[in-house]
Amino acid sequence: MPSRFDGQTVIVTGAASGIGRATSVLLASEGARVVATDLSGELLDALHREYPDNIDPIVGDLTDPGLADAAIARCAGRIDALVNVAGIMDAFLAVGEVDDVTWEQVVAVNLTAPMRLMRGALPLMMQAGRGAIVNVASEAGIKGGCAGAAYTASKHGLVGLTRNTAFLYANTGVRVNAIAPGPVETGLRPDFRSAIAAERLPALLKASISRIAAPQELAQAIAWLASADASNVNGAILPVDGGWSAA
């Protein structure tokens, strides 16, 4: 029986760990050729050794505009899906505390890099008359009490970018959706460098969060949105948070 992604080419960022790795493994196991980008060459090599015929690794920093160009070029004229997973946090710094370096780096990775990859992938998808883009936003993209100012702003921006692109390109055959995860077992670890956030957020988060998800659970939602099974889903921001957003 054919798999959902047989013969397809998919770009996945942040592919070496956490949600990105789980997504890359799932897509590769279902027949996709995954152009996998990450900062960690060691972890990408390990992933490539596990799936040598399906994982095409590119080591690089998403803040470098050339990485998006390299990933698009590696696809050799065909991109069936783009999955923007890579993200960094902001130490929960409030707007009165955040420094320019933190702000610019978080926005560069979480918002500007996905935009560049979307911008590069769209012409090939439109030429083919089909394609799926899945962005990994966050509960912080739909609420204000989950992270610091930079992370919250970047994920709200990614939600807006997702919806705008879905609407404007709806008649091209390209679908654009996002998932909004709650807490996940990934390499991102809370680092409260903000006295304001340390006072305001922990009790709220503890009361709201039912459990921490496994990366594989997020990967399943991403793969569904990237597949033909979600052919009429466009512009959706899908909470994958165990009910956190329902509170």
C-alpha atoms as a PDB file:
ATOM      1  CA  MET A   1       0.000   0.000   0.000  1.00  0.00           C
ATOM      2  CA  PRO A   2       1.508   3.386  -0.987  1.00  0.00           C
ATOM      3  CA  SER A   3       2.520   5.701   1.829  1.00  0.00           C
ATOM      4  CA  ARG A   4       1.278   9.276   2.041  1.00  0.00           C
ATOM      5  CA  PHE A   5       4.606  10.821   1.032  1.00  0.00           C
ATOM      6  CA  ASP A   6       6.011   8.363  -1.505  1.00  0.00           C
ATOM      7  CA  GLY A   7       8.120  10.247  -4.056  1.00  0.00           C
ATOM      8  CA  GLN A   8       7.632  13.624  -2.371  1.00  0.00           C
ATOM      9  CA  THR A   9      10.264  16.164  -1.407  1.00  0.00           C
ATOM     10  CA  VAL A  10       9.796  17.942   1.911  1.00  0.00           C
ATOM     11  CA  ILE A  11      11.912  20.589   3.651  1.00  0.00           C
ATOM     12  CA  VAL A  12      12.029  20.368   7.452  1.00  0.00           C
ATOM     13  CA  THR A  13      13.885  22.927   9.569  1.00  0.00           C
ATOM     14  CA  GLY A  14      15.129  22.185  13.071  1.00  0.00           C
ATOM     15  CA  ALA A  15      15.250  18.604  11.848  1.00  0.00           C
ATOM     16  CA  ALA A  16      17.908  17.179  14.146  1.00  0.00           C
ATOM     17  CA  SER A  17      16.024  17.168  17.451  1.00  0.00           C
ATOM     18  CA  GLY A  18      12.641  17.441  19.116  1.00  0.00           C
ATOM     19  CA  ILE A  19       9.599  18.031  16.928  1.00  0.00           C
ATOM     20  CA  GLY A  20      11.742  18.484  13.820  1.00  0.00           C
ATOM     21  CA  ARG A  21      13.452  15.129  14.236  1.00  0.00           C
ATOM     22  CA  ALA A  22      10.209  13.324  14.982  1.00  0.00           C
ATOM     23  CA  THR A  23       8.638  14.910  11.901  1.00  0.00           C
ATOM     24  CA  SER A  24      11.603  14.054   9.680  1.00  0.00           C
ATOM     25  CA  VAL A  25      11.578  10.443  10.860  1.00  0.00           C
ATOM     26  CA  LEU A  26       7.826  10.114  10.285  1.00  0.00           C
ATOM     27  CA  LEU A  27       7.963  11.647   6.806  1.00  0.00           C
ATOM     28  CA  ALA A  28      11.008   9.583   5.832  1.00  0.00           C
ATOM     29  CA  SER A  29       9.339   6.407   7.081  1.00  0.00           C
ATOM     30  CA  GLU A  30       6.385   7.228   4.827  1.00  0.00           C
ATOM     31  CA  GLY A  31       8.517   7.602   1.726  1.00  0.00           C
ATOM     32  CA  ALA A  32       9.475  11.283   1.608  1.00  0.00           C
ATOM     33  CA  ARG A  33      12.843  12.664   0.665  1.00  0.00           C
ATOM     34  CA  VAL A  34      13.470  15.091   3.520  1.00  0.00           C
ATOM     35  CA  VAL A  35      15.772  18.052   2.992  1.00  0.00           C
ATOM     36  CA  ALA A  36      16.674  18.422   6.653  1.00  0.00           C
ATOM     37  CA  THR A  37      18.259  21.595   8.027  1.00  0.00           C
ATOM     38  CA  ASP A  38      19.723  22.192  11.471  1.00  0.00           C
ATOM     39  CA  LEU A  39      22.601  23.901  13.267  1.00  0.00           C
ATOM     40  CA  SER A  40      23.915  20.607  14.627  1.00  0.00           C
ATOM     41  CA  GLY A  41      25.941  18.670  12.100  1.00  0.00           C
ATOM     42  CA  GLU A  42      26.472  15.837  14.569  1.00  0.00           C
ATOM     43  CA  LEU A  43      22.776  15.302  15.181  1.00  0.00           C
ATOM     44  CA  LEU A  44      21.960  15.646  11.481  1.00  0.00           C
ATOM     45  CA  ASP A  45      24.589  13.028  10.662  1.00  0.00           C
ATOM     46  CA  ALA A  46      22.957  10.656  13.144  1.00  0.00           C
ATOM     47  CA  LEU A  47      19.582  11.226  11.507  1.00  0.00           C
ATOM     48  CA  HIS A  48      21.079  10.686   8.045  1.00  0.00           C
ATOM     49  CA  ARG A  49      22.656   7.400   9.165  1.00  0.00           C
ATOM     50  CA  GLU A  50      19.248   6.220  10.347  1.00  0.00           C
ATOM     51  CA  TYR A  51      17.572   7.052   7.011  1.00  0.00           C
ATOM     52  CA  PRO A  52      20.392   7.299   4.449  1.00  0.00           C
ATOM     53  CA  ASP A  53      18.085   7.069   1.444  1.00  0.00           C
ATOM     54  CA  ASN A  54      15.546   9.625   2.655  1.00  0.00           C
ATOM     55  CA  ILE A  55      17.356  12.289   4.687  1.00  0.00           C
ATOM     56  CA  ASP A  56      19.319  14.944   2.772  1.00  0.00           C
ATOM     57  CA  PRO A  57      21.053  17.023   5.477  1.00  0.00           C
ATOM     58  CA  ILE A  58      22.051  20.694   5.297  1.00  0.00           C
ATOM     59  CA  VAL A  59      23.934  22.149   8.244  1.00  0.00           C
ATOM     60  CA  GLY A  60      23.455  25.874   8.723  1.00  0.00           C
ATOM     61  CA  ASP A  61      22.096  28.821  10.664  1.00  0.00           C
ATOM     62  CA  LEU A  62      18.603  29.982   9.739  1.00  0.00           C
ATOM     63  CA  THR A  63      19.582  33.582  10.440  1.00  0.00           C
ATOM     64  CA  ASP A  64      21.765  33.297   7.318  1.00  0.00           C
ATOM     65  CA  PRO A  65      19.593  34.097   4.266  1.00  0.00           C
ATOM     66  CA  GLY A  66      21.755  31.729   2.247  1.00  0.00           C
ATOM     67  CA  LEU A  67      20.447  28.702   4.126  1.00  0.00           C
ATOM     68  CA  ALA A  68      16.942  29.166   2.745  1.00  0.00           C
ATOM     69  CA  ASP A  69      18.378  29.494  -0.750  1.00  0.00           C
ATOM     70  CA  ALA A  70      20.479  26.343  -0.252  1.00  0.00           C
ATOM     71  CA  ALA A  71      17.502  24.320   0.981  1.00  0.00           C
ATOM     72  CA  ILE A  72      15.340  25.423  -1.947  1.00  0.00           C
ATOM     73  CA  ALA A  73      18.140  24.633  -4.415  1.00  0.00           C
ATOM     74  CA  ARG A  74      18.676  21.182  -2.893  1.00  0.00           C
ATOM     75  CA  CYS A  75      15.080  20.312  -3.767  1.00  0.00           C
ATOM     76  CA  ALA A  76      15.990  20.434  -7.478  1.00  0.00           C
ATOM     77  CA  GLY A  77      12.789  22.072  -8.681  1.00  0.00           C
ATOM     78  CA  ARG A  78      10.255  20.125  -6.638  1.00  0.00           C
ATOM     79  CA  ILE A  79       8.891  20.966  -3.181  1.00  0.00           C
ATOM     80  CA  ASP A  80       5.792  19.100  -2.097  1.00  0.00           C
ATOM     81  CA  ALA A  81       5.807  20.396   1.461  1.00  0.00           C
ATOM     82  CA  LEU A  82       7.681  22.816   3.694  1.00  0.00           C
ATOM     83  CA  VAL A  83       7.669  22.350   7.466  1.00  0.00           C
ATOM     84  CA  ASN A  84       9.056  25.259   9.491  1.00  0.00           C
ATOM     85  CA  VAL A  85       9.845  23.775  12.896  1.00  0.00           C
ATOM     86  CA  ALA A  86      13.030  25.508  14.086  1.00  0.00           C
ATOM     87  CA  GLY A  87      12.562  27.986  16.896  1.00  0.00           C
ATOM     88  CA  ILE A  88      14.321  29.564  19.847  1.00  0.00           C
ATOM     89  CA  MET A  89      13.053  31.016  23.122  1.00  0.00           C
ATOM     90  CA  ASP A  90      13.672  34.356  24.807  1.00  0.00           C
ATOM     91  CA  ALA A  91      14.290  33.669  28.521  1.00  0.00           C
ATOM     92  CA  PHE A  92      10.766  34.959  29.219  1.00  0.00           C
ATOM     93  CA  LEU A  93      12.016  38.550  29.063  1.00  0.00           C
ATOM     94  CA  ALA A  94       9.257  41.168  29.277  1.00  0.00           C
ATOM     95  CA  VAL A  95       9.255  44.100  26.864  1.00  0.00           C
ATOM     96  CA  GLY A  96      10.888  46.362  29.438  1.00  0.00           C
ATOM     97  CA  GLU A  97      13.729  43.875  29.876  1.00  0.00           C
ATOM     98  CA  VAL A  98      14.422  42.442  26.439  1.00  0.00           C
ATOM     99  CA  ASP A  99      17.681  43.457  24.784  1.00  0.00           C
ATOM    100  CA  ASP A 100      18.099  44.104  21.068  1.00  0.00           C
ATOM    101  CA  VAL A 101      20.246  41.014  20.496  1.00  0.00           C
ATOM    102  CA  THR A 102      17.648  38.663  21.986  1.00  0.00           C
ATOM    103  CA  TRP A 103      14.777  40.366  20.159  1.00  0.00           C
ATOM    104  CA  GLU A 104      16.490  40.317  16.785  1.00  0.00           C
ATOM    105  CA  GLN A 105      17.698  36.727  17.087  1.00  0.00           C
ATOM    106  CA  VAL A 106      14.328  35.355  18.176  1.00  0.00           C
ATOM    107  CA  VAL A 107      12.466  37.193  15.420  1.00  0.00           C
ATOM    108  CA  ALA A 108      15.089  36.161  12.851  1.00  0.00           C
ATOM    109  CA  VAL A 109      14.750  32.446  13.631  1.00  0.00           C
ATOM    110  CA  ASN A 110      11.062  32.228  14.519  1.00  0.00           C
ATOM    111  CA  LEU A 111       9.563  34.567  11.919  1.00  0.00           C
ATOM    112  CA  THR A 112      11.979  35.854   9.282  1.00  0.00           C
ATOM    113  CA  ALA A 113      13.463  32.449   8.423  1.00  0.00           C
ATOM    114  CA  PRO A 114      10.045  30.819   7.858  1.00  0.00           C
ATOM    115  CA  MET A 115       9.070  33.780   5.670  1.00  0.00           C
ATOM    116  CA  ARG A 116      12.198  33.343   3.530  1.00  0.00           C
ATOM    117  CA  LEU A 117      11.583  29.629   3.082  1.00  0.00           C
ATOM    118  CA  MET A 118       7.920  30.205   2.255  1.00  0.00           C
ATOM    119  CA  ARG A 119       8.901  32.904  -0.226  1.00  0.00           C
ATOM    120  CA  GLY A 120      11.343  30.524  -1.893  1.00  0.00           C
ATOM    121  CA  ALA A 121       9.051  27.497  -1.926  1.00  0.00           C
ATOM    122  CA  LEU A 122       5.886  29.162  -3.203  1.00  0.00           C
ATOM    123  CA  PRO A 123       6.943  29.640  -6.852  1.00  0.00           C
ATOM    124  CA  LEU A 124       7.774  25.934  -7.227  1.00  0.00           C
ATOM    125  CA  MET A 125       4.566  24.890  -5.506  1.00  0.00           C
ATOM    126  CA  MET A 126       2.480  27.250  -7.630  1.00  0.00           C
ATOM    127  CA  GLN A 127       4.150  25.965 -10.775  1.00  0.00           C
ATOM    128  CA  ALA A 128       3.159  22.429  -9.764  1.00  0.00           C
ATOM    129  CA  GLY A 129      -0.338  23.561  -8.792  1.00  0.00           C
ATOM    130  CA  ARG A 130      -0.054  22.020  -5.315  1.00  0.00           C
ATOM    131  CA  GLY A 131       1.929  22.106  -2.125  1.00  0.00           C
ATOM    132  CA  ALA A 132       1.580  22.284   1.640  1.00  0.00           C
ATOM    133  CA  ILE A 133       3.286  24.590   4.124  1.00  0.00           C
ATOM    134  CA  VAL A 134       3.077  23.790   7.829  1.00  0.00           C
ATOM    135  CA  ASN A 135       4.442  26.271  10.358  1.00  0.00           C
ATOM    136  CA  VAL A 136       5.072  25.401  13.978  1.00  0.00           C
ATOM    137  CA  ALA A 137       3.663  28.317  15.910  1.00  0.00           C
ATOM    138  CA  SER A 138       2.938  27.983  19.632  1.00  0.00           C
ATOM    139  CA  GLU A 139       0.360  28.463  22.321  1.00  0.00           C
ATOM    140  CA  ALA A 140       2.285  31.746  22.692  1.00  0.00           C
ATOM    141  CA  GLY A 141       1.068  32.640  19.205  1.00  0.00           C
ATOM    142  CA  ILE A 142      -2.540  32.755  20.358  1.00  0.00           C
ATOM    143  CA  LYS A 143      -2.122  33.859  23.987  1.00  0.00           C
ATOM    144  CA  GLY A 144      -0.116  36.467  25.866  1.00  0.00           C
ATOM    145  CA  GLY A 145       0.781  34.552  29.021  1.00  0.00           C
ATOM    146  CA  CYS A 146       3.063  31.768  27.811  1.00  0.00           C
ATOM    147  CA  ALA A 147       6.483  33.290  27.097  1.00  0.00           C
ATOM    148  CA  GLY A 148       8.455  36.520  26.869  1.00  0.00           C
ATOM    149  CA  ALA A 149       7.840  39.480  24.595  1.00  0.00           C
ATOM    150  CA  ALA A 150      10.080  38.435  21.695  1.00  0.00           C
ATOM    151  CA  TYR A 151       8.901  34.837  21.502  1.00  0.00           C
ATOM    152  CA  THR A 152       5.251  35.849  21.875  1.00  0.00           C
ATOM    153  CA  ALA A 153       5.551  38.515  19.193  1.00  0.00           C
ATOM    154  CA  SER A 154       7.388  36.189  16.815  1.00  0.00           C
ATOM    155  CA  LYS A 155       4.815  33.415  17.164  1.00  0.00           C
ATOM    156  CA  HIS A 156       1.891  35.840  16.826  1.00  0.00           C
ATOM    157  CA  GLY A 157       3.638  37.068  13.695  1.00  0.00           C
ATOM    158  CA  LEU A 158       3.976  33.513  12.383  1.00  0.00           C
ATOM    159  CA  VAL A 159       0.262  32.938  12.933  1.00  0.00           C
ATOM    160  CA  GLY A 160      -0.504  36.106  10.980  1.00  0.00           C
ATOM    161  CA  LEU A 161       1.914  35.127   8.223  1.00  0.00           C
ATOM    162  CA  THR A 162       0.268  31.713   7.988  1.00  0.00           C
ATOM    163  CA  ARG A 163      -3.236  33.103   7.682  1.00  0.00           C
ATOM    164  CA  ASN A 164      -2.314  35.867   5.264  1.00  0.00           C
ATOM    165  CA  THR A 165      -0.454  33.489   2.952  1.00  0.00           C
ATOM    166  CA  ALA A 166      -3.239  30.915   3.104  1.00  0.00           C
ATOM    167  CA  PHE A 167      -5.798  33.499   2.071  1.00  0.00           C
ATOM    168  CA  LEU A 168      -3.809  35.227  -0.662  1.00  0.00           C
ATOM    169  CA  TYR A 169      -2.661  31.979  -2.298  1.00  0.00           C
ATOM    170  CA  ALA A 170      -5.850  29.966  -1.767  1.00  0.00           C
ATOM    171  CA  ASN A 171      -6.559  29.672  -5.501  1.00  0.00           C
ATOM    172  CA  THR A 172      -3.105  28.329  -6.397  1.00  0.00           C
ATOM    173  CA  GLY A 173      -3.354  24.819  -4.965  1.00  0.00           C
ATOM    174  CA  VAL A 174      -1.006  25.691  -2.099  1.00  0.00           C
ATOM    175  CA  ARG A 175      -2.263  25.194   1.452  1.00  0.00           C
ATOM    176  CA  VAL A 176      -0.730  26.961   4.456  1.00  0.00           C
ATOM    177  CA  ASN A 177      -1.488  25.917   8.022  1.00  0.00           C
ATOM    178  CA  ALA A 178       0.145  25.941  11.434  1.00  0.00           C
ATOM    179  CA  ILE A 179       0.081  23.950  14.612  1.00  0.00           C
ATOM    180  CA  ALA A 180       0.131  25.630  18.020  1.00  0.00           C
ATOM    181  CA  PRO A 181       1.833  23.278  20.477  1.00  0.00           C
ATOM    182  CA  GLY A 182       1.675  23.492  24.215  1.00  0.00           C
ATOM    183  CA  PRO A 183       4.553  22.085  26.294  1.00  0.00           C
ATOM    184  CA  VAL A 184       6.585  19.471  24.435  1.00  0.00           C
ATOM    185  CA  GLU A 185       9.562  17.314  25.379  1.00  0.00           C
ATOM    186  CA  THR A 186      12.147  19.136  23.227  1.00  0.00           C
ATOM    187  CA  GLY A 187      15.539  20.775  23.560  1.00  0.00           C
ATOM    188  CA  LEU A 188      13.917  24.121  24.418  1.00  0.00           C
ATOM    189  CA  ARG A 189      14.168  24.596  28.165  1.00  0.00           C
ATOM    190  CA  PRO A 190      12.516  27.352  30.242  1.00  0.00           C
ATOM    191  CA  ASP A 191      15.070  29.917  31.369  1.00  0.00           C
ATOM    192  CA  PHE A 192      13.473  32.586  33.517  1.00  0.00           C
ATOM    193  CA  ARG A 193      15.801  35.588  33.303  1.00  0.00           C
ATOM    194  CA  SER A 194      12.845  37.852  34.014  1.00  0.00           C
ATOM    195  CA  ALA A 195      11.768  38.606  37.554  1.00  0.00           C
ATOM    196  CA  ILE A 196       8.425  39.823  36.225  1.00  0.00           C
ATOM    197  CA  ALA A 197       7.747  36.605  34.306  1.00  0.00           C
ATOM    198  CA  ALA A 198       9.025  34.424  37.159  1.00  0.00           C
ATOM    199  CA  GLU A 199       6.440  36.049  39.409  1.00  0.00           C
ATOM    200  CA  ARG A 200       3.532  36.034  36.967  1.00  0.00           C
ATOM    201  CA  LEU A 201       3.781  32.910  34.827  1.00  0.00           C
ATOM    202  CA  PRO A 202       4.703  29.707  36.720  1.00  0.00           C
ATOM    203  CA  ALA A 203       1.482  29.413  38.729  1.00  0.00           C
ATOM    204  CA  LEU A 204      -0.598  30.183  35.620  1.00  0.00           C
ATOM    205  CA  LEU A 205       1.247  27.621  33.503  1.00  0.00           C
ATOM    206  CA  LYS A 206       1.087  24.957  36.221  1.00  0.00           C
ATOM    207  CA  ALA A 207      -2.665  25.409  36.575  1.00  0.00           C
ATOM    208  CA  SER A 208      -3.296  25.312  32.815  1.00  0.00           C
ATOM    209  CA  ILE A 209      -1.061  22.514  31.548  1.00  0.00           C
ATOM    210  CA  SER A 210      -2.405  18.970  31.795  1.00  0.00           C
ATOM    211  CA  ARG A 211       0.701  17.162  30.529  1.00  0.00           C
ATOM    212  CA  ILE A 212       3.806  17.497  28.393  1.00  0.00           C
ATOM    213  CA  ALA A 213       3.468  16.042  24.902  1.00  0.00           C
ATOM    214  CA  ALA A 214       5.938  13.798  23.119  1.00  0.00           C
ATOM    215  CA  PRO A 215       7.449  15.172  19.883  1.00  0.00           C
ATOM    216  CA  GLN A 216       5.921  12.277  17.963  1.00  0.00           C
ATOM    217  CA  GLU A 217       2.438  13.534  18.826  1.00  0.00           C
ATOM    218  CA  LEU A 218       3.204  16.879  17.205  1.00  0.00           C
ATOM    219  CA  ALA A 219       4.778  15.138  14.211  1.00  0.00           C
ATOM    220  CA  GLN A 220       1.539  13.254  13.546  1.00  0.00           C
ATOM    221  CA  ALA A 221      -0.425  16.513  13.382  1.00  0.00           C
ATOM    222  CA  ILE A 222       2.192  18.096  11.112  1.00  0.00           C
ATOM    223  CA  ALA A 223       2.209  15.105   8.765  1.00  0.00           C
ATOM    224  CA  TRP A 224      -1.575  15.183   8.524  1.00  0.00           C
ATOM    225  CA  LEU A 225      -1.594  18.872   7.556  1.00  0.00           C
ATOM    226  CA  ALA A 226       1.201  18.262   5.038  1.00  0.00           C
ATOM    227  CA  SER A 227      -0.608  15.334   3.438  1.00  0.00           C
ATOM    228  CA  ALA A 228      -3.483  15.042   0.997  1.00  0.00           C
ATOM    229  CA  ASP A 229      -5.621  13.864   3.926  1.00  0.00           C
ATOM    230  CA  ALA A 230      -5.974  17.567   4.837  1.00  0.00           C
ATOM    231  CA  SER A 231      -6.707  18.673   1.267  1.00  0.00           C
ATOM    232  CA  ASN A 232      -9.462  21.105   2.281  1.00  0.00           C
ATOM    233  CA  VAL A 233      -7.702  22.516   5.346  1.00  0.00           C
ATOM    234  CA  ASN A 234      -6.165  25.919   4.659  1.00  0.00           C
ATOM    235  CA  GLY A 235      -5.412  28.806   6.999  1.00  0.00           C
ATOM    236  CA  ALA A 236      -5.971  26.725  10.128  1.00  0.00           C
ATOM    237  CA  ILE A 237      -4.084  27.226  13.373  1.00  0.00           C
ATOM    238  CA  LEU A 238      -4.435  23.811  14.969  1.00  0.00           C
ATOM    239  CA  PRO A 239      -3.901  23.677  18.742  1.00  0.00           C
ATOM    240  CA  VAL A 240      -2.012  20.496  19.655  1.00  0.00           C
ATOM    241  CA  ASP A 241      -1.847  21.186  23.347  1.00  0.00           C
ATOM    242  CA  GLY A 242      -3.887  18.623  25.273  1.00  0.00           C
ATOM    243  CA  GLY A 243      -6.707  21.120  25.748  1.00  0.00           C
ATOM    244  CA  TRP A 244      -4.654  24.018  27.141  1.00  0.00           C
ATOM    245  CA  SER A 245      -6.145  26.519  24.721  1.00  0.00           C
ATOM    246  CA  ALA A 246      -9.663  25.402  25.635  1.00  0.00           C
ATOM    247  CA  ALA A 247      -9.313  26.781  29.167  1.00  0.00           C
END
